[in-house]
C-alpha atoms as a PDB file:
ATOM      1  CA  MET A   1      34.338  -0.819 -13.376  1.00  0.00           C
ATOM      2  CA  PRO A   2      31.420   1.098 -11.856  1.00  0.00           C
ATOM      3  CA  SER A   3      28.844  -0.953 -10.041  1.00  0.00           C
ATOM      4  CA  ALA A   4      25.241  -1.042 -11.145  1.00  0.00           C
ATOM      5  CA  PRO A   5      23.088   1.521  -9.396  1.00  0.00           C
ATOM      6  CA  ARG A   6      21.181   0.160  -6.432  1.00  0.00           C
ATOM      7  CA  PRO A   7      17.439   0.216  -6.833  1.00  0.00           C
ATOM      8  CA  ALA A   8      15.697   2.749  -4.647  1.00  0.00           C
ATOM      9  CA  ALA A   9      14.608   1.406  -1.280  1.00  0.00           C
ATOM     10  CA  PRO A  10      11.080   0.107  -1.527  1.00  0.00           C
ATOM     11  CA  THR A  11       8.644   2.531  -0.008  1.00  0.00           C
ATOM     12  CA  VAL A  12       5.115   2.307   1.274  1.00  0.00           C
ATOM     13  CA  LEU A  13       2.457   4.929   0.693  1.00  0.00           C
ATOM     14  CA  VAL A  14      -0.166   5.187   3.434  1.00  0.00           C
ATOM     15  CA  VAL A  15      -3.400   6.811   2.300  1.00  0.00           C
ATOM     16  CA  THR A  16      -5.724   7.989   5.042  1.00  0.00           C
ATOM     17  CA  ARG A  17      -7.354  11.055   6.463  1.00  0.00           C
ATOM     18  CA  SER A  18      -7.270   9.624   9.950  1.00  0.00           C
ATOM     19  CA  SER A  19      -5.755  11.625  12.758  1.00  0.00           C
ATOM     20  CA  GLN A  20      -3.569   8.561  13.406  1.00  0.00           C
ATOM     21  CA  ALA A  21      -1.818   8.740  10.024  1.00  0.00           C
ATOM     22  CA  SER A  22       1.490   9.868  11.504  1.00  0.00           C
ATOM     23  CA  GLU A  23       1.473   6.951  13.974  1.00  0.00           C
ATOM     24  CA  VAL A  24       0.928   4.476  11.130  1.00  0.00           C
ATOM     25  CA  GLY A  25       3.790   6.038   9.165  1.00  0.00           C
ATOM     26  CA  ARG A  26       6.080   6.013  12.188  1.00  0.00           C
ATOM     27  CA  TYR A  27       5.250   2.350  12.930  1.00  0.00           C
ATOM     28  CA  LEU A  28       6.146   1.340   9.365  1.00  0.00           C
ATOM     29  CA  ASP A  29       9.344   3.417   9.454  1.00  0.00           C
ATOM     30  CA  GLU A  30      10.382   1.764  12.728  1.00  0.00           C
ATOM     31  CA  ALA A  31       9.703  -1.647  11.154  1.00  0.00           C
ATOM     32  CA  GLY A  32      12.194  -0.787   8.393  1.00  0.00           C
ATOM     33  CA  LEU A  33       9.570   0.091   5.799  1.00  0.00           C
ATOM     34  CA  PRO A  34      10.042   3.721   4.716  1.00  0.00           C
ATOM     35  CA  ALA A  35       6.590   5.268   4.588  1.00  0.00           C
ATOM     36  CA  GLN A  36       5.078   8.332   3.011  1.00  0.00           C
ATOM     37  CA  LEU A  37       1.646   9.708   3.879  1.00  0.00           C
ATOM     38  CA  ALA A  38      -1.078  10.980   1.570  1.00  0.00           C
ATOM     39  CA  ALA A  39      -4.646  12.154   2.050  1.00  0.00           C
ATOM     40  CA  SER A  40      -5.836  10.740  -1.275  1.00  0.00           C
ATOM     41  CA  VAL A  41      -5.031   7.890  -3.655  1.00  0.00           C
ATOM     42  CA  PRO A  42      -2.610   9.247  -6.275  1.00  0.00           C
ATOM     43  CA  ALA A  43      -2.929   8.850 -10.018  1.00  0.00           C
ATOM     44  CA  PRO A  44      -0.703   5.972 -11.190  1.00  0.00           C
ATOM     45  CA  ALA A  45       1.686   8.346 -13.007  1.00  0.00           C
ATOM     46  CA  ARG A  46       2.273  10.302  -9.793  1.00  0.00           C
ATOM     47  CA  LEU A  47       3.263   7.255  -7.762  1.00  0.00           C
ATOM     48  CA  ALA A  48       7.025   6.924  -7.266  1.00  0.00           C
ATOM     49  CA  PRO A  49       8.543   3.912  -9.065  1.00  0.00           C
ATOM     50  CA  SER A  50      10.100   2.779  -5.777  1.00  0.00           C
ATOM     51  CA  THR A  51       6.668   2.425  -4.181  1.00  0.00           C
ATOM     52  CA  THR A  52       6.001  -1.272  -3.681  1.00  0.00           C
ATOM     53  CA  ALA A  53       2.899  -1.049  -1.498  1.00  0.00           C
ATOM     54  CA  VAL A  54      -0.012   1.297  -0.999  1.00  0.00           C
ATOM     55  CA  VAL A  55      -1.919   0.928   2.266  1.00  0.00           C
ATOM     56  CA  VAL A  56      -5.351   2.515   2.034  1.00  0.00           C
ATOM     57  CA  PHE A  57      -7.863   3.080   4.803  1.00  0.00           C
ATOM     58  CA  PRO A  58     -10.847   3.504   2.449  1.00  0.00           C
ATOM     59  CA  ASP A  59     -13.430   3.954   5.206  1.00  0.00           C
ATOM     60  CA  ASP A  60     -11.888   7.438   5.643  1.00  0.00           C
ATOM     61  CA  LEU A  61     -12.028   8.090   1.883  1.00  0.00           C
ATOM     62  CA  PRO A  62     -15.574   7.630   0.572  1.00  0.00           C
ATOM     63  CA  LEU A  63     -14.745   8.745  -2.986  1.00  0.00           C
ATOM     64  CA  ALA A  64     -11.538   6.743  -3.455  1.00  0.00           C
ATOM     65  CA  MET A  65     -12.881   3.710  -5.353  1.00  0.00           C
ATOM     66  CA  ALA A  66     -12.319   5.082  -8.873  1.00  0.00           C
ATOM     67  CA  ALA A  67      -8.748   6.131  -8.029  1.00  0.00           C
ATOM     68  CA  MET A  68      -8.008   2.721  -6.491  1.00  0.00           C
ATOM     69  CA  VAL A  69      -9.355   0.941  -9.599  1.00  0.00           C
ATOM     70  CA  LYS A  70      -7.111   3.079 -11.844  1.00  0.00           C
ATOM     71  CA  LEU A  71      -4.109   2.373  -9.640  1.00  0.00           C
ATOM     72  CA  ARG A  72      -4.886  -1.348  -9.514  1.00  0.00           C
ATOM     73  CA  ARG A  73      -5.201  -1.581 -13.327  1.00  0.00           C
ATOM     74  CA  ALA A  74      -2.024   0.419 -13.987  1.00  0.00           C
ATOM     75  CA  ARG A  75       0.267  -1.178 -11.381  1.00  0.00           C
ATOM     76  CA  LYS A  76      -0.821  -4.802 -10.912  1.00  0.00           C
ATOM     77  CA  ALA A  77       2.494  -5.808  -9.275  1.00  0.00           C
ATOM     78  CA  LEU A  78       2.014  -3.167  -6.564  1.00  0.00           C
ATOM     79  CA  LEU A  79       0.609  -4.423  -3.264  1.00  0.00           C
ATOM     80  CA  LEU A  80      -2.702  -2.687  -2.651  1.00  0.00           C
ATOM     81  CA  LEU A  81      -3.563  -3.282   0.994  1.00  0.00           C
ATOM     82  CA  LEU A  82      -6.946  -2.068   2.175  1.00  0.00           C
ATOM     83  CA  VAL A  83      -7.765  -1.866   5.873  1.00  0.00           C
ATOM     84  CA  THR A  84     -11.537  -1.636   6.047  1.00  0.00           C
ATOM     85  CA  SER A  85     -14.607  -2.394   8.107  1.00  0.00           C
ATOM     86  CA  HIS A  86     -16.434  -3.203   4.861  1.00  0.00           C
ATOM     87  CA  PRO A  87     -14.328  -5.708   2.859  1.00  0.00           C
ATOM     88  CA  GLY A  88     -17.279  -6.693   0.656  1.00  0.00           C
ATOM     89  CA  ARG A  89     -17.272  -3.228  -0.919  1.00  0.00           C
ATOM     90  CA  TYR A  90     -13.809  -3.832  -2.398  1.00  0.00           C
ATOM     91  CA  GLN A  91     -14.131  -7.291  -3.986  1.00  0.00           C
ATOM     92  CA  GLN A  92     -13.933  -5.612  -7.422  1.00  0.00           C
ATOM     93  CA  LEU A  93     -10.346  -4.580  -6.651  1.00  0.00           C
ATOM     94  CA  THR A  94      -9.433  -8.055  -5.482  1.00  0.00           C
ATOM     95  CA  ALA A  95     -10.769  -9.520  -8.729  1.00  0.00           C
ATOM     96  CA  LEU A  96      -8.509  -7.248 -10.810  1.00  0.00           C
ATOM     97  CA  ALA A  97      -5.299  -8.548  -9.200  1.00  0.00           C
ATOM     98  CA  PRO A  98      -5.987 -11.198  -6.542  1.00  0.00           C
ATOM     99  CA  ASP A  99      -2.301 -11.924  -5.843  1.00  0.00           C
ATOM    100  CA  THR A 100      -1.472  -8.331  -5.006  1.00  0.00           C
ATOM    101  CA  THR A 101      -4.683  -7.010  -3.466  1.00  0.00           C
ATOM    102  CA  THR A 102      -5.226  -7.715   0.207  1.00  0.00           C
ATOM    103  CA  LEU A 103      -8.187  -6.814   2.375  1.00  0.00           C
ATOM    104  CA  LEU A 104      -7.577  -6.605   6.116  1.00  0.00           C
ATOM    105  CA  PRO A 105     -10.573  -6.206   8.377  1.00  0.00           C
ATOM    106  CA  ALA A 106     -10.452  -3.063  10.478  1.00  0.00           C
ATOM    107  CA  PRO A 107      -9.297  -2.533  13.067  1.00  0.00           C
ATOM    108  CA  ALA A 108      -5.997  -4.153  12.113  1.00  0.00           C
ATOM    109  CA  PHE A 109      -2.862  -4.192  14.212  1.00  0.00           C
ATOM    110  CA  GLY A 110       0.247  -2.606  12.766  1.00  0.00           C
ATOM    111  CA  TRP A 111       2.109  -5.900  12.669  1.00  0.00           C
ATOM    112  CA  HIS A 112      -0.569  -7.352  10.359  1.00  0.00           C
ATOM    113  CA  VAL A 113       0.128  -4.542   7.887  1.00  0.00           C
ATOM    114  CA  VAL A 114       3.891  -5.051   8.232  1.00  0.00           C
ATOM    115  CA  ASP A 115       3.558  -8.829   7.742  1.00  0.00           C
ATOM    116  CA  GLU A 116       1.555  -8.363   4.515  1.00  0.00           C
ATOM    117  CA  ILE A 117       4.071  -5.872   3.119  1.00  0.00           C
ATOM    118  CA  ARG A 118       7.033  -8.108   4.001  1.00  0.00           C
ATOM    119  CA  ARG A 119       5.266 -11.102   2.439  1.00  0.00           C
ATOM    120  CA  HIS A 120       4.810  -9.077  -0.752  1.00  0.00           C
ATOM    121  CA  HIS A 121       8.450  -7.907  -0.748  1.00  0.00           C
ATOM    122  CA  ALA A 122       9.602 -11.542  -0.403  1.00  0.00           C
ATOM    123  CA  ALA A 123       7.348 -12.554  -3.313  1.00  0.00           C
ATOM    124  CA  ILE A 124       8.800  -9.887  -5.602  1.00  0.00           C
ATOM    125  CA  GLY A 125      12.393 -10.345  -4.425  1.00  0.00           C
ATOM    126  CA  ARG A 126      12.734  -6.959  -2.709  1.00  0.00           C
ATOM    127  CA  SER A 127      13.856  -6.144   0.771  1.00  0.00           C
ATOM    128  CA  PRO A 128      13.839  -2.904   2.720  1.00  0.00           C
END
């Protein structure tokens, strides 16, 4: 009897225009969290179903709020992790899905990002 297909490995999308984007992606990959990089927040329909977390550095993306609101409304179970110097600007997103929206004050160390993603994976019963 064939076994059930394994779900795709959970992936993390990192959205930033920072010159350090590749280092962030590499850090997550080395922590066992496959990462993809993007320069803008994707429309919800364009986000891969295996994506379990989106890490956004919104200070680099001044026009990203509308896209983040759409993503937050469409995929409430998705971890939306914002690393920002201005957390007060993003309280609207937190109100839409407080259990899956996290604001980390910038600058944040890589392990803080990894810890939040792993905490989310444990809460939803997924592992890398």
